[in-house]
Amino acid sequence: MPVINLNYSEMKKLGDVKVLIAVNGGPTKTEADSTHIYLASRYNGYFITLDKRLLKKAKEVEILCGAKIATPSELLAYVNSSVEKLTNQKNAGYPGAGAGVPIE
């Protein structure tokens, strides 16, 4: 596992994620999953998985740390929707559309 420098509040959040997802995945799997989920939250992103154990906890994890747990098809639907919104904005003549402007 790579070394990640965390401050106290970040370590606490990572610990909270570990506790939340620790069911029957075993300590090694839980350690890796919780670290990856935490890193997704740190960069305001998604954790993509087909693991039903984690998908069942998706809402709780998002509330706890902000990471969005999704299936590949859910992420693809989000990306397609975002591209469609940008295309519509660009076609409507909104300035900056398609130039990295946040959609949400």
N, C-alpha and C. Protein backbone atom coordinates (compact mmCIF):
# COMPACT_ATOMS: atom_id res chain seq x y z
N MET A 1 0.86 -1.18 0.00
CA MET A 1 0.00 0.00 0.00
C MET A 1 0.90 1.24 0.00
N PRO A 2 0.65 2.20 -0.90
CA PRO A 2 1.49 3.41 -0.94
C PRO A 2 1.31 4.24 0.33
N VAL A 3 2.33 4.99 0.67
CA VAL A 3 2.27 5.87 1.83
C VAL A 3 1.50 7.12 1.44
N ILE A 4 0.53 7.46 2.27
CA ILE A 4 -0.28 8.66 2.04
C ILE A 4 -0.14 9.54 3.27
N ASN A 5 0.28 10.77 3.09
CA ASN A 5 0.40 11.69 4.22
C ASN A 5 -0.96 12.30 4.52
N LEU A 6 -1.45 12.04 5.72
CA LEU A 6 -2.76 12.53 6.13
C LEU A 6 -2.65 13.31 7.43
N ASN A 7 -3.44 14.35 7.56
CA ASN A 7 -3.51 15.04 8.83
C ASN A 7 -4.52 14.31 9.74
N TYR A 8 -4.71 14.81 10.94
CA TYR A 8 -5.57 14.11 11.90
C TYR A 8 -7.00 13.94 11.39
N SER A 9 -7.59 14.99 10.86
CA SER A 9 -8.99 14.89 10.41
C SER A 9 -9.12 13.95 9.22
N GLU A 10 -8.10 13.92 8.35
CA GLU A 10 -8.12 13.00 7.22
C GLU A 10 -7.99 11.55 7.69
N MET A 11 -7.11 11.32 8.70
CA MET A 11 -6.97 9.97 9.25
C MET A 11 -8.27 9.51 9.90
N LYS A 12 -8.95 10.43 10.57
CA LYS A 12 -10.22 10.09 11.20
C LYS A 12 -11.26 9.72 10.14
N LYS A 13 -11.33 10.50 9.08
CA LYS A 13 -12.29 10.22 8.00
C LYS A 13 -11.99 8.86 7.36
N LEU A 14 -10.72 8.58 7.10
CA LEU A 14 -10.33 7.29 6.55
C LEU A 14 -10.73 6.16 7.50
N GLY A 15 -10.51 6.36 8.79
CA GLY A 15 -10.92 5.37 9.79
C GLY A 15 -12.42 5.16 9.80
N ASP A 16 -13.17 6.25 9.67
CA ASP A 16 -14.64 6.14 9.62
C ASP A 16 -15.10 5.35 8.40
N VAL A 17 -14.43 5.55 7.27
CA VAL A 17 -14.76 4.79 6.05
C VAL A 17 -14.47 3.32 6.29
N LYS A 18 -13.34 3.00 6.91
CA LYS A 18 -12.99 1.61 7.20
C LYS A 18 -14.07 0.94 8.05
N VAL A 19 -14.50 1.63 9.09
CA VAL A 19 -15.53 1.09 9.97
C VAL A 19 -16.83 0.87 9.21
N LEU A 20 -17.20 1.82 8.38
CA LEU A 20 -18.46 1.73 7.63
C LEU A 20 -18.49 0.56 6.67
N ILE A 21 -17.38 0.33 5.96
CA ILE A 21 -17.42 -0.73 4.94
C ILE A 21 -16.95 -2.09 5.45
N ALA A 22 -16.42 -2.15 6.67
CA ALA A 22 -15.92 -3.42 7.21
C ALA A 22 -17.08 -4.34 7.54
N VAL A 23 -17.31 -5.30 6.69
CA VAL A 23 -18.37 -6.29 6.92
C VAL A 23 -17.70 -7.65 6.87
N ASN A 24 -17.67 -8.23 5.72
CA ASN A 24 -17.06 -9.54 5.56
C ASN A 24 -15.99 -9.55 4.49
N GLY A 25 -15.43 -8.40 4.19
CA GLY A 25 -14.45 -8.33 3.12
C GLY A 25 -13.06 -8.74 3.55
N GLY A 26 -12.83 -8.90 4.84
CA GLY A 26 -11.50 -9.23 5.33
C GLY A 26 -10.67 -7.97 5.47
N PRO A 27 -9.70 -7.99 6.39
CA PRO A 27 -8.93 -6.77 6.68
C PRO A 27 -8.13 -6.22 5.50
N THR A 28 -7.57 -7.08 4.66
CA THR A 28 -6.77 -6.59 3.54
C THR A 28 -7.65 -5.92 2.50
N LYS A 29 -8.76 -6.56 2.15
CA LYS A 29 -9.68 -5.98 1.16
C LYS A 29 -10.29 -4.69 1.70
N THR A 30 -10.68 -4.69 2.97
CA THR A 30 -11.27 -3.50 3.57
C THR A 30 -10.26 -2.35 3.60
N GLU A 31 -9.01 -2.65 3.92
CA GLU A 31 -7.96 -1.62 3.95
C GLU A 31 -7.80 -0.98 2.58
N ALA A 32 -7.68 -1.81 1.56
CA ALA A 32 -7.49 -1.29 0.20
C ALA A 32 -8.72 -0.51 -0.26
N ASP A 33 -9.91 -1.09 -0.08
CA ASP A 33 -11.14 -0.41 -0.52
C ASP A 33 -11.33 0.92 0.21
N SER A 34 -11.13 0.93 1.52
CA SER A 34 -11.34 2.18 2.27
C SER A 34 -10.35 3.25 1.85
N THR A 35 -9.10 2.85 1.58
CA THR A 35 -8.10 3.83 1.13
C THR A 35 -8.48 4.39 -0.23
N HIS A 36 -8.90 3.54 -1.14
CA HIS A 36 -9.28 4.01 -2.48
C HIS A 36 -10.53 4.89 -2.42
N ILE A 37 -11.49 4.52 -1.58
CA ILE A 37 -12.71 5.34 -1.42
C ILE A 37 -12.34 6.69 -0.83
N TYR A 38 -11.49 6.68 0.20
CA TYR A 38 -11.08 7.95 0.80
C TYR A 38 -10.39 8.83 -0.23
N LEU A 39 -9.48 8.26 -1.02
CA LEU A 39 -8.78 9.06 -2.02
C LEU A 39 -9.75 9.61 -3.06
N ALA A 40 -10.78 8.85 -3.40
CA ALA A 40 -11.80 9.37 -4.31
C ALA A 40 -12.48 10.59 -3.68
N SER A 41 -12.76 10.51 -2.38
CA SER A 41 -13.42 11.64 -1.71
C SER A 41 -12.49 12.84 -1.64
N ARG A 42 -11.23 12.58 -1.45
CA ARG A 42 -10.24 13.66 -1.32
C ARG A 42 -10.17 14.48 -2.61
N TYR A 43 -10.40 13.83 -3.73
CA TYR A 43 -10.34 14.51 -5.01
C TYR A 43 -11.71 14.68 -5.64
N ASN A 44 -12.76 14.63 -4.79
CA ASN A 44 -14.14 14.87 -5.21
C ASN A 44 -14.54 14.00 -6.38
N GLY A 45 -14.29 12.70 -6.26
CA GLY A 45 -14.52 11.83 -7.39
C GLY A 45 -15.34 10.60 -7.09
N TYR A 46 -15.21 9.69 -8.00
CA TYR A 46 -15.98 8.45 -7.99
C TYR A 46 -15.10 7.26 -7.67
N PHE A 47 -15.68 6.29 -7.00
CA PHE A 47 -15.07 4.98 -6.80
C PHE A 47 -15.94 4.01 -7.59
N ILE A 48 -15.38 3.44 -8.63
CA ILE A 48 -16.15 2.59 -9.55
C ILE A 48 -15.93 1.13 -9.18
N THR A 49 -17.03 0.40 -9.01
CA THR A 49 -16.94 -0.99 -8.59
C THR A 49 -18.18 -1.76 -8.99
N LEU A 50 -18.05 -3.06 -8.99
CA LEU A 50 -19.19 -3.97 -9.14
C LEU A 50 -19.42 -4.74 -7.84
N ASP A 51 -18.68 -4.38 -6.80
CA ASP A 51 -18.76 -5.05 -5.50
C ASP A 51 -20.07 -4.67 -4.80
N LYS A 52 -20.97 -5.63 -4.71
CA LYS A 52 -22.29 -5.37 -4.13
C LYS A 52 -22.20 -4.92 -2.68
N ARG A 53 -21.21 -5.42 -1.97
CA ARG A 53 -21.01 -5.03 -0.57
C ARG A 53 -20.79 -3.52 -0.47
N LEU A 54 -19.99 -2.98 -1.36
CA LEU A 54 -19.71 -1.54 -1.34
C LEU A 54 -20.86 -0.74 -1.93
N LEU A 55 -21.49 -1.25 -2.98
CA LEU A 55 -22.60 -0.53 -3.61
C LEU A 55 -23.76 -0.34 -2.63
N LYS A 56 -23.96 -1.31 -1.73
CA LYS A 56 -25.02 -1.20 -0.73
C LYS A 56 -24.75 -0.05 0.24
N LYS A 57 -23.49 0.31 0.40
CA LYS A 57 -23.09 1.37 1.33
C LYS A 57 -22.89 2.72 0.64
N ALA A 58 -23.23 2.81 -0.64
CA ALA A 58 -22.90 4.00 -1.43
C ALA A 58 -23.44 5.29 -0.83
N LYS A 59 -24.69 5.31 -0.45
CA LYS A 59 -25.27 6.56 0.10
C LYS A 59 -24.61 6.93 1.41
N GLU A 60 -24.39 5.93 2.27
CA GLU A 60 -23.74 6.20 3.56
C GLU A 60 -22.33 6.73 3.37
N VAL A 61 -21.58 6.15 2.44
CA VAL A 61 -20.22 6.59 2.17
C VAL A 61 -20.23 8.02 1.63
N GLU A 62 -21.15 8.33 0.72
CA GLU A 62 -21.21 9.69 0.17
C GLU A 62 -21.52 10.71 1.26
N ILE A 63 -22.42 10.37 2.17
CA ILE A 63 -22.74 11.27 3.28
C ILE A 63 -21.52 11.43 4.19
N LEU A 64 -20.83 10.33 4.45
CA LEU A 64 -19.69 10.35 5.37
C LEU A 64 -18.51 11.13 4.82
N CYS A 65 -18.15 10.89 3.55
CA CYS A 65 -16.90 11.49 3.08
C CYS A 65 -16.99 12.16 1.71
N GLY A 66 -18.13 12.03 1.03
CA GLY A 66 -18.30 12.70 -0.25
C GLY A 66 -17.96 11.87 -1.47
N ALA A 67 -17.35 10.70 -1.28
CA ALA A 67 -17.04 9.84 -2.43
C ALA A 67 -18.32 9.25 -2.98
N LYS A 68 -18.40 9.19 -4.28
CA LYS A 68 -19.57 8.61 -4.94
C LYS A 68 -19.19 7.21 -5.41
N ILE A 69 -19.85 6.19 -4.86
CA ILE A 69 -19.60 4.82 -5.28
C ILE A 69 -20.62 4.50 -6.35
N ALA A 70 -20.14 4.02 -7.48
CA ALA A 70 -21.03 3.77 -8.61
C ALA A 70 -20.54 2.57 -9.42
N THR A 71 -21.45 2.02 -10.19
CA THR A 71 -21.09 0.96 -11.13
C THR A 71 -20.54 1.62 -12.39
N PRO A 72 -19.84 0.86 -13.22
CA PRO A 72 -19.36 1.44 -14.48
C PRO A 72 -20.50 2.02 -15.33
N SER A 73 -21.64 1.34 -15.36
CA SER A 73 -22.76 1.83 -16.18
C SER A 73 -23.34 3.12 -15.60
N GLU A 74 -23.35 3.27 -14.28
CA GLU A 74 -23.83 4.52 -13.68
C GLU A 74 -22.90 5.67 -14.01
N LEU A 75 -21.60 5.43 -13.99
CA LEU A 75 -20.64 6.48 -14.35
C LEU A 75 -20.79 6.85 -15.81
N LEU A 76 -20.97 5.87 -16.66
CA LEU A 76 -21.14 6.14 -18.08
C LEU A 76 -22.40 6.97 -18.33
N ALA A 77 -23.47 6.67 -17.62
CA ALA A 77 -24.71 7.46 -17.76
C ALA A 77 -24.46 8.90 -17.33
N TYR A 78 -23.70 9.10 -16.24
CA TYR A 78 -23.38 10.45 -15.77
C TYR A 78 -22.55 11.19 -16.82
N VAL A 79 -21.54 10.53 -17.36
CA VAL A 79 -20.68 11.15 -18.38
C VAL A 79 -21.50 11.52 -19.61
N ASN A 80 -22.34 10.61 -20.07
CA ASN A 80 -23.17 10.89 -21.24
C ASN A 80 -24.09 12.08 -20.99
N SER A 81 -24.67 12.12 -19.80
CA SER A 81 -25.56 13.23 -19.44
C SER A 81 -24.78 14.56 -19.42
N SER A 82 -23.56 14.52 -18.87
CA SER A 82 -22.74 15.73 -18.81
C SER A 82 -22.35 16.21 -20.20
N VAL A 83 -21.99 15.27 -21.07
CA VAL A 83 -21.63 15.64 -22.44
C VAL A 83 -22.84 16.24 -23.15
N GLU A 84 -24.00 15.65 -22.93
CA GLU A 84 -25.22 16.18 -23.56
C GLU A 84 -25.52 17.59 -23.07
N LYS A 85 -25.35 17.85 -21.77
CA LYS A 85 -25.57 19.19 -21.23
C LYS A 85 -24.59 20.19 -21.84
N LEU A 86 -23.32 19.80 -21.92
CA LEU A 86 -22.33 20.70 -22.52
C LEU A 86 -22.63 20.98 -23.98
N THR A 87 -23.04 19.95 -24.70
CA THR A 87 -23.38 20.11 -26.11
C THR A 87 -24.56 21.07 -26.27
N ASN A 88 -25.57 20.90 -25.42
CA ASN A 88 -26.74 21.78 -25.46
C ASN A 88 -26.37 23.21 -25.13
N GLN A 89 -25.48 23.38 -24.13
CA GLN A 89 -25.04 24.73 -23.77
C GLN A 89 -24.26 25.37 -24.93
N LYS A 90 -23.39 24.59 -25.52
CA LYS A 90 -22.59 25.11 -26.63
C LYS A 90 -23.48 25.50 -27.80
N ASN A 91 -24.46 24.63 -28.10
CA ASN A 91 -25.38 24.92 -29.20
C ASN A 91 -26.28 26.11 -28.91
N ALA A 92 -26.51 26.39 -27.62
CA ALA A 92 -27.34 27.52 -27.25
C ALA A 92 -26.52 28.81 -27.16
N GLY A 93 -25.21 28.68 -27.35
CA GLY A 93 -24.37 29.86 -27.37
C GLY A 93 -23.90 30.35 -26.02
N TYR A 94 -23.93 29.51 -24.99
CA TYR A 94 -23.44 29.94 -23.67
C TYR A 94 -21.94 30.12 -23.74
N PRO A 95 -21.45 31.26 -23.23
CA PRO A 95 -20.01 31.50 -23.25
C PRO A 95 -19.30 30.50 -22.34
N GLY A 96 -18.20 29.98 -22.82
CA GLY A 96 -17.40 29.07 -22.01
C GLY A 96 -17.88 27.63 -22.05
N ALA A 97 -18.98 27.37 -22.72
CA ALA A 97 -19.50 25.99 -22.77
C ALA A 97 -18.47 25.10 -23.43
N GLY A 98 -18.21 24.00 -22.79
CA GLY A 98 -17.26 23.05 -23.32
C GLY A 98 -15.81 23.40 -23.00
N ALA A 99 -15.61 24.43 -22.18
CA ALA A 99 -14.24 24.85 -21.86
C ALA A 99 -13.93 24.58 -20.39
N GLY A 100 -14.32 23.41 -19.88
CA GLY A 100 -14.01 23.06 -18.50
C GLY A 100 -14.93 23.71 -17.48
N VAL A 101 -16.04 24.23 -17.91
CA VAL A 101 -16.98 24.87 -17.00
C VAL A 101 -17.77 23.78 -16.27
N PRO A 102 -17.80 23.82 -14.92
CA PRO A 102 -18.57 22.80 -14.19
C PRO A 102 -20.02 22.83 -14.58
N ILE A 103 -20.62 21.64 -14.65
CA ILE A 103 -22.01 21.53 -15.09
C ILE A 103 -22.98 21.60 -13.93
N GLU A 104 -22.60 21.04 -12.81
CA GLU A 104 -23.56 20.92 -11.71
C GLU A 104 -23.74 22.16 -10.93
